[in-house]
Amino acid sequence: MDTKVDNVARKLRRFVSKTARENGVILSQQMFELERYIPEAKSIVAIVEKEVADAPL
């Protein structure tokens, strides 16, 4: 990944928490929209989805 993608992924990871898990449906919709507009988004979405799955309750 390039630096831009790393930076965006890092910022998104900071916001992944219990709240993100509870609002998984909303997060999924937002990630779907992100994928439509940003070519690099698929790798970012994969990172965020892993972080959401691994988030402690």
C-alpha atoms as a PDB file:
ATOM      1  CA  MET A   1       0.000   0.000   0.000  1.00  0.00           C
ATOM      2  CA  ASP A   2       1.110   3.512  -0.604  1.00  0.00           C
ATOM      3  CA  THR A   3       1.415   6.173   2.070  1.00  0.00           C
ATOM      4  CA  LYS A   4      -1.956   7.783   1.285  1.00  0.00           C
ATOM      5  CA  VAL A   5      -3.790   4.493   1.796  1.00  0.00           C
ATOM      6  CA  ASP A   6      -1.792   3.767   4.964  1.00  0.00           C
ATOM      7  CA  ASN A   7      -2.694   7.169   6.389  1.00  0.00           C
ATOM      8  CA  VAL A   8      -6.392   6.794   5.620  1.00  0.00           C
ATOM      9  CA  ALA A   9      -6.458   3.266   7.010  1.00  0.00           C
ATOM     10  CA  ARG A  10      -4.697   4.428  10.192  1.00  0.00           C
ATOM     11  CA  LYS A  11      -7.231   7.218  10.693  1.00  0.00           C
ATOM     12  CA  LEU A  12     -10.146   4.850  10.128  1.00  0.00           C
ATOM     13  CA  ARG A  13      -8.686   2.311  12.559  1.00  0.00           C
ATOM     14  CA  ARG A  14      -8.696   4.936  15.309  1.00  0.00           C
ATOM     15  CA  PHE A  15     -12.465   5.159  15.060  1.00  0.00           C
ATOM     16  CA  VAL A  16     -13.098   1.414  15.109  1.00  0.00           C
ATOM     17  CA  SER A  17     -14.458   0.493  18.509  1.00  0.00           C
ATOM     18  CA  LYS A  18     -17.423  -1.069  20.261  1.00  0.00           C
ATOM     19  CA  THR A  19     -19.578   1.624  18.665  1.00  0.00           C
ATOM     20  CA  ALA A  20     -18.425   0.597  15.191  1.00  0.00           C
ATOM     21  CA  ARG A  21     -19.360  -3.002  15.954  1.00  0.00           C
ATOM     22  CA  GLU A  22     -22.790  -1.958  17.247  1.00  0.00           C
ATOM     23  CA  ASN A  23     -23.309   0.148  14.139  1.00  0.00           C
ATOM     24  CA  GLY A  24     -21.911  -2.449  11.744  1.00  0.00           C
ATOM     25  CA  VAL A  25     -24.753  -2.066   9.268  1.00  0.00           C
ATOM     26  CA  ILE A  26     -24.189   1.682   8.953  1.00  0.00           C
ATOM     27  CA  LEU A  27     -20.425   1.169   8.733  1.00  0.00           C
ATOM     28  CA  SER A  28     -20.897  -1.444   5.991  1.00  0.00           C
ATOM     29  CA  GLN A  29     -23.041   0.964   3.979  1.00  0.00           C
ATOM     30  CA  GLN A  30     -20.472   3.734   4.343  1.00  0.00           C
ATOM     31  CA  MET A  31     -17.660   1.395   3.294  1.00  0.00           C
ATOM     32  CA  PHE A  32     -19.683   0.313   0.250  1.00  0.00           C
ATOM     33  CA  GLU A  33     -20.060   3.972  -0.754  1.00  0.00           C
ATOM     34  CA  LEU A  34     -16.340   4.537  -0.160  1.00  0.00           C
ATOM     35  CA  GLU A  35     -15.468   1.621  -2.467  1.00  0.00           C
ATOM     36  CA  ARG A  36     -17.522   3.178  -5.241  1.00  0.00           C
ATOM     37  CA  TYR A  37     -15.582   6.446  -5.236  1.00  0.00           C
ATOM     38  CA  ILE A  38     -12.014   5.650  -4.173  1.00  0.00           C
ATOM     39  CA  PRO A  39     -10.072   2.991  -6.116  1.00  0.00           C
ATOM     40  CA  GLU A  40      -7.787   2.218  -3.154  1.00  0.00           C
ATOM     41  CA  ALA A  41     -10.777   1.781  -0.847  1.00  0.00           C
ATOM     42  CA  LYS A  42     -10.946  -2.003  -1.171  1.00  0.00           C
ATOM     43  CA  SER A  43      -7.680  -2.417   0.740  1.00  0.00           C
ATOM     44  CA  ILE A  44      -8.791   0.172   3.313  1.00  0.00           C
ATOM     45  CA  VAL A  45     -12.142  -1.588   3.737  1.00  0.00           C
ATOM     46  CA  ALA A  46     -10.410  -4.942   4.239  1.00  0.00           C
ATOM     47  CA  ILE A  47      -8.269  -3.453   7.028  1.00  0.00           C
ATOM     48  CA  VAL A  48     -11.247  -1.799   8.720  1.00  0.00           C
ATOM     49  CA  GLU A  49     -13.404  -4.929   8.482  1.00  0.00           C
ATOM     50  CA  LYS A  50     -10.646  -6.933  10.168  1.00  0.00           C
ATOM     51  CA  GLU A  51     -10.326  -4.311  12.913  1.00  0.00           C
ATOM     52  CA  VAL A  52     -14.111  -4.328  13.484  1.00  0.00           C
ATOM     53  CA  ALA A  53     -14.138  -8.119  13.700  1.00  0.00           C
ATOM     54  CA  ASP A  54     -11.240  -8.050  16.179  1.00  0.00           C
ATOM     55  CA  ALA A  55     -12.616  -5.180  18.288  1.00  0.00           C
ATOM     56  CA  PRO A  56     -13.159  -6.108  21.938  1.00  0.00           C
ATOM     57  CA  LEU A  57     -16.728  -5.888  23.196  1.00  0.00           C
END
